[in-house]
């Protein structure tokens, strides 16, 4: 029997779980030098990234929500990673190809996935972590309704934990 795949559509985008066939395209976005420099994280490791793709996909079977690729027309332009992390909480993060920055795509995609997580998978809380110098991600978190909870130094840079409860999604 074929595995059911959840597809979420917005007015401009399609979100669906990534398959193994999508890996090279999403890894190219994650490895883009502009993306790496803005994120604050080191260049991704291919094996760990492949494992993360499979964890995000498996989350759909276990929790009813998980990581997705973000498509504009037929082009994969980004990924939203939504996982159950080692702190026993759901966590969201994203990567978008720089050619698509500033157009509202990631806000639209995150909002749609969070709406699904809260209303269909019945999650109560979502967390996110970002380096404070990643102003684009900080602004996106705030635009979605996330609130800063605490900060700490991580690898010499300030990092903040954000939380969003189901009734706070903007």
Protein backbone atom coordinates (compact mmCIF):
# COMPACT_ATOMS: atom_id res chain seq x y z
CA UNK A 1 0.00 0.00 0.00
CA UNK A 2 1.32 3.45 -0.91
CA UNK A 3 2.17 5.88 1.86
CA UNK A 4 -0.27 8.79 2.19
CA UNK A 5 1.48 12.12 1.66
CA UNK A 6 0.09 15.30 3.15
CA UNK A 7 0.21 18.23 0.74
CA UNK A 8 -0.48 21.75 1.97
CA UNK A 9 -1.21 24.41 -0.65
CA UNK A 10 -1.25 28.17 -0.25
CA UNK A 11 -2.08 30.75 -2.90
CA UNK A 12 1.53 30.72 -4.16
CA UNK A 13 3.22 27.64 -2.72
CA UNK A 14 2.97 23.90 -2.28
CA UNK A 15 4.35 22.21 0.84
CA UNK A 16 4.92 18.48 0.98
CA UNK A 17 7.23 16.07 2.78
CA UNK A 18 10.60 15.76 1.10
CA UNK A 19 11.57 12.49 -0.53
CA UNK A 20 15.03 11.03 -1.00
CA UNK A 21 14.86 12.33 -4.58
CA UNK A 22 14.64 15.91 -3.26
CA UNK A 23 17.77 15.66 -1.13
CA UNK A 24 20.35 17.07 -3.55
CA UNK A 25 18.22 20.13 -4.29
CA UNK A 26 17.54 20.94 -0.64
CA UNK A 27 21.16 20.26 0.33
CA UNK A 28 22.30 22.73 -2.33
CA UNK A 29 20.11 25.42 -0.73
CA UNK A 30 21.35 24.54 2.79
CA UNK A 31 24.97 24.68 1.57
CA UNK A 32 24.64 27.97 -0.30
CA UNK A 33 27.39 30.28 1.06
CA UNK A 34 24.93 33.16 1.57
CA UNK A 35 22.53 30.91 3.51
CA UNK A 36 25.35 29.49 5.65
CA UNK A 37 26.78 32.92 6.48
CA UNK A 38 23.39 34.33 7.50
CA UNK A 39 22.31 31.30 9.55
CA UNK A 40 25.27 31.30 11.93
CA UNK A 41 25.63 27.55 11.63
CA UNK A 42 28.55 25.76 9.96
CA UNK A 43 28.20 24.38 6.44
CA UNK A 44 25.95 21.32 6.74
CA UNK A 45 27.28 17.79 6.71
CA UNK A 46 25.76 15.69 3.92
CA UNK A 47 25.24 12.50 5.95
CA UNK A 48 23.66 14.35 8.90
CA UNK A 49 21.46 16.33 6.55
CA UNK A 50 20.24 13.14 4.86
CA UNK A 51 19.43 11.69 8.30
CA UNK A 52 17.55 14.88 9.25
CA UNK A 53 15.48 14.64 6.06
CA UNK A 54 14.42 11.12 7.02
CA UNK A 55 13.61 12.15 10.62
CA UNK A 56 11.46 15.02 9.35
CA UNK A 57 9.65 12.68 6.99
CA UNK A 58 9.11 10.03 9.68
CA UNK A 59 7.54 12.70 11.91
CA UNK A 60 4.53 12.72 9.59
CA UNK A 61 3.79 9.08 10.36
CA UNK A 62 4.33 9.45 14.09
CA UNK A 63 2.93 12.91 14.85
CA UNK A 64 0.80 13.88 11.85
CA UNK A 65 3.16 16.75 11.03
CA UNK A 66 6.80 17.06 10.02
CA UNK A 67 9.31 18.67 7.71
CA UNK A 68 8.33 19.84 4.23
CA UNK A 69 9.82 21.12 1.04
CA UNK A 70 8.57 24.48 -0.20
CA UNK A 71 7.76 24.60 -3.92
CA UNK A 72 7.00 27.65 -6.07
CA UNK A 73 5.60 26.41 -9.36
CA UNK A 74 7.72 23.31 -9.99
CA UNK A 75 10.87 24.58 -8.28
CA UNK A 76 11.98 23.55 -4.80
CA UNK A 77 12.88 26.88 -3.18
CA UNK A 78 13.26 25.91 0.46
CA UNK A 79 12.60 23.61 3.37
CA UNK A 80 10.84 23.91 6.70
CA UNK A 81 12.22 21.50 9.25
CA UNK A 82 9.63 20.58 11.86
CA UNK A 83 10.87 17.93 14.27
CA UNK A 84 10.37 16.54 17.75
CA UNK A 85 13.75 17.42 19.24
CA UNK A 86 15.91 15.97 22.02
CA UNK A 87 14.36 18.40 24.52
CA UNK A 88 10.98 16.64 24.05
CA UNK A 89 9.42 19.56 22.20
CA UNK A 90 8.40 20.38 18.66
CA UNK A 91 10.82 22.72 16.93
CA UNK A 92 10.62 24.58 13.62
CA UNK A 93 13.39 25.99 11.45
CA UNK A 94 13.75 26.86 7.78
CA UNK A 95 16.02 27.51 4.87
CA UNK A 96 15.10 29.43 1.72
CA UNK A 97 17.13 29.99 -1.42
CA UNK A 98 18.41 33.62 -1.38
CA UNK A 99 16.80 34.34 -4.77
CA UNK A 100 13.45 34.11 -2.97
CA UNK A 101 14.23 36.19 0.14
CA UNK A 102 12.06 39.20 0.92
CA UNK A 103 9.01 38.01 -1.01
CA UNK A 104 7.00 36.66 1.93
CA UNK A 105 7.27 33.03 0.82
CA UNK A 106 8.66 31.68 4.06
CA UNK A 107 6.09 33.51 6.18
CA UNK A 108 3.32 32.11 3.99
CA UNK A 109 4.78 28.60 4.14
CA UNK A 110 5.48 28.63 7.89
CA UNK A 111 2.03 29.98 8.65
CA UNK A 112 0.41 27.19 6.62
CA UNK A 113 2.51 24.47 8.26
CA UNK A 114 1.97 25.89 11.76
CA UNK A 115 -1.78 26.11 11.12
CA UNK A 116 -1.71 22.44 10.15
CA UNK A 117 0.40 21.53 13.20
CA UNK A 118 -1.93 23.30 15.61
CA UNK A 119 -5.30 22.50 14.00
CA UNK A 120 -4.82 19.05 12.46
CA UNK A 121 -1.99 17.47 14.44
CA UNK A 122 -3.29 19.22 17.60
CA UNK A 123 0.10 20.43 18.83
CA UNK A 124 -0.11 22.95 21.66
CA UNK A 125 3.38 24.54 21.50
CA UNK A 126 6.06 25.15 18.89
CA UNK A 127 9.62 26.26 19.64
CA UNK A 128 12.32 27.82 17.49
CA UNK A 129 15.93 28.79 18.11
CA UNK A 130 17.90 31.38 16.17
CA UNK A 131 21.04 33.41 16.44
CA UNK A 132 20.18 37.02 17.20
CA UNK A 133 22.25 38.29 14.25
CA UNK A 134 19.96 36.37 11.87
CA UNK A 135 17.59 39.34 11.64
CA UNK A 136 15.48 37.83 8.84
CA UNK A 137 14.61 34.80 10.98
CA UNK A 138 13.99 36.95 14.07
CA UNK A 139 11.57 39.14 12.09
CA UNK A 140 9.82 36.08 10.67
CA UNK A 141 9.38 34.55 14.12
CA UNK A 142 7.92 37.80 15.43
CA UNK A 143 5.61 38.15 12.41
CA UNK A 144 4.24 34.65 13.07
CA UNK A 145 3.55 35.50 16.73
CA UNK A 146 6.51 33.76 18.40
CA UNK A 147 7.77 35.37 21.59
CA UNK A 148 11.33 35.37 22.88
CA UNK A 149 11.64 33.25 26.02
CA UNK A 150 15.34 33.15 26.91
CA UNK A 151 18.77 33.80 25.42
CA UNK A 152 22.20 32.28 25.83
CA UNK A 153 25.60 32.36 24.21
CA UNK A 154 26.21 29.56 21.74
CA UNK A 155 29.57 29.26 19.98
CA UNK A 156 30.32 32.88 20.90
CA UNK A 157 27.06 34.32 19.55
CA UNK A 158 23.78 35.24 21.22
CA UNK A 159 21.00 32.72 20.53
CA UNK A 160 17.36 33.05 21.56
CA UNK A 161 14.64 30.48 22.17
CA UNK A 162 11.19 31.43 20.88
CA UNK A 163 7.82 29.87 21.65
CA UNK A 164 4.43 29.97 19.99
CA UNK A 165 1.26 28.52 21.47
CA UNK A 166 -1.59 27.39 19.23
CA UNK A 167 -3.79 30.36 20.11
CA UNK A 168 -1.02 32.90 19.37
CA UNK A 169 -0.46 32.18 15.65
CA UNK A 170 -0.88 35.42 13.72
